[in-house]
Amino acid sequence: MDEITIKVLFFAQAKELVGTSERILKLPTSFSETTIENLKSYIINKVPELAHIANSFVLAVNCNYNSQDEIIKIEKHTEIAIIPPLSGG
């Protein structure tokens, strides 16, 4: 089965939950065109530590934010950033 290799970057609380700043994941080729919502669900399935913040983080695909239902293209070496809500002062 063909797969697409992506890099997932974890920031802030996501990094703390997962215990690393990045992880390589392999997606089925059926994800070559998918929605952010589908991609997010797949990543949570593969990285269950993120389930705790599933309703609050957003994904950036190759440094771009997209709407949840927008179709995005995932290619070899796509970079996905997990961005939890940030607090600050």
Protein backbone atom coordinates (compact mmCIF):
# COMPACT_ATOMS: atom_id res chain seq x y z
CA MET A 1 0.00 0.00 0.00
CA ASP A 2 1.31 3.43 -0.90
CA GLU A 3 1.64 5.96 1.88
CA ILE A 4 2.38 9.65 2.24
CA THR A 5 5.04 10.56 4.80
CA ILE A 6 4.36 13.80 6.69
CA LYS A 7 6.04 15.64 9.54
CA VAL A 8 3.81 16.68 12.44
CA LEU A 9 5.12 19.48 14.66
CA PHE A 10 3.81 19.92 18.20
CA PHE A 11 3.80 23.25 20.02
CA ALA A 12 3.04 24.39 23.58
CA GLN A 13 0.56 22.09 25.37
CA ALA A 14 0.54 19.63 22.45
CA LYS A 15 4.32 19.24 22.79
CA GLU A 16 3.94 18.65 26.54
CA LEU A 17 1.22 16.03 26.04
CA VAL A 18 3.05 14.13 23.31
CA GLY A 19 6.50 14.49 24.85
CA THR A 20 8.25 15.53 21.66
CA SER A 21 8.34 18.48 19.26
CA GLU A 22 7.83 16.43 16.10
CA ARG A 23 6.81 13.05 14.81
CA ILE A 24 6.78 11.43 11.38
CA LEU A 25 3.45 9.89 10.37
CA LYS A 26 2.45 7.87 7.35
CA LEU A 27 -0.95 8.60 5.81
CA PRO A 28 -2.80 6.43 3.34
CA THR A 29 -2.78 7.88 -0.18
CA SER A 30 -6.51 8.45 0.20
CA PHE A 31 -5.46 11.51 2.24
CA SER A 32 -3.73 13.14 -0.73
CA GLU A 33 -6.83 15.37 -0.93
CA THR A 34 -8.74 15.71 2.31
CA THR A 35 -10.22 18.22 4.70
CA ILE A 36 -8.56 19.68 7.79
CA GLU A 37 -11.28 18.01 9.84
CA ASN A 38 -10.46 14.56 8.41
CA LEU A 39 -6.74 15.12 8.81
CA LYS A 40 -7.20 16.25 12.41
CA SER A 41 -9.25 13.13 13.21
CA TYR A 42 -6.61 10.89 11.64
CA ILE A 43 -3.80 12.55 13.61
CA ILE A 44 -5.73 12.24 16.88
CA ASN A 45 -6.25 8.55 16.11
CA LYS A 46 -2.50 8.08 15.57
CA VAL A 47 -1.46 10.38 18.45
CA PRO A 48 -4.13 9.74 21.09
CA GLU A 49 -2.42 12.01 23.63
CA LEU A 50 -3.93 14.90 21.64
CA ALA A 51 -7.50 13.80 22.40
CA HIS A 52 -7.36 15.85 25.61
CA ILE A 53 -7.12 19.08 23.57
CA ALA A 54 -8.90 17.91 20.40
CA ASN A 55 -11.56 20.63 20.55
CA SER A 56 -9.12 23.46 21.04
CA PHE A 57 -6.14 23.02 18.72
CA VAL A 58 -5.88 24.02 15.08
CA LEU A 59 -3.74 22.65 12.27
CA ALA A 60 -1.46 24.60 9.99
CA VAL A 61 -0.51 22.82 6.76
CA ASN A 62 2.82 24.01 5.37
CA CYS A 63 2.47 27.19 7.48
CA ASN A 64 -1.07 27.90 6.17
CA TYR A 65 -4.30 27.88 8.12
CA ASN A 66 -7.35 26.47 6.32
CA SER A 67 -11.03 26.17 7.22
CA GLN A 68 -12.15 22.83 8.66
CA ASP A 69 -14.03 21.78 5.52
CA GLU A 70 -11.63 23.14 2.90
CA ILE A 71 -10.03 20.49 0.66
CA ILE A 72 -6.26 20.51 1.05
CA LYS A 73 -3.56 18.62 -0.80
CA ILE A 74 -1.22 16.44 1.22
CA GLU A 75 2.00 15.43 -0.50
CA LYS A 76 5.19 13.69 0.52
CA HIS A 77 7.00 15.77 3.19
CA THR A 78 4.00 17.99 3.97
CA GLU A 79 4.48 19.67 7.34
CA ILE A 80 1.55 19.81 9.75
CA ALA A 81 1.74 22.01 12.86
CA ILE A 82 -0.49 21.33 15.87
CA ILE A 83 -1.25 24.74 17.38
CA PRO A 84 -3.05 24.69 20.73
CA PRO A 85 -4.63 27.86 22.08
CA LEU A 86 -1.99 30.16 23.45
CA SER A 87 -2.28 32.08 26.65
CA GLY A 88 -0.15 34.99 27.48
CA GLY A 89 0.15 38.17 29.30
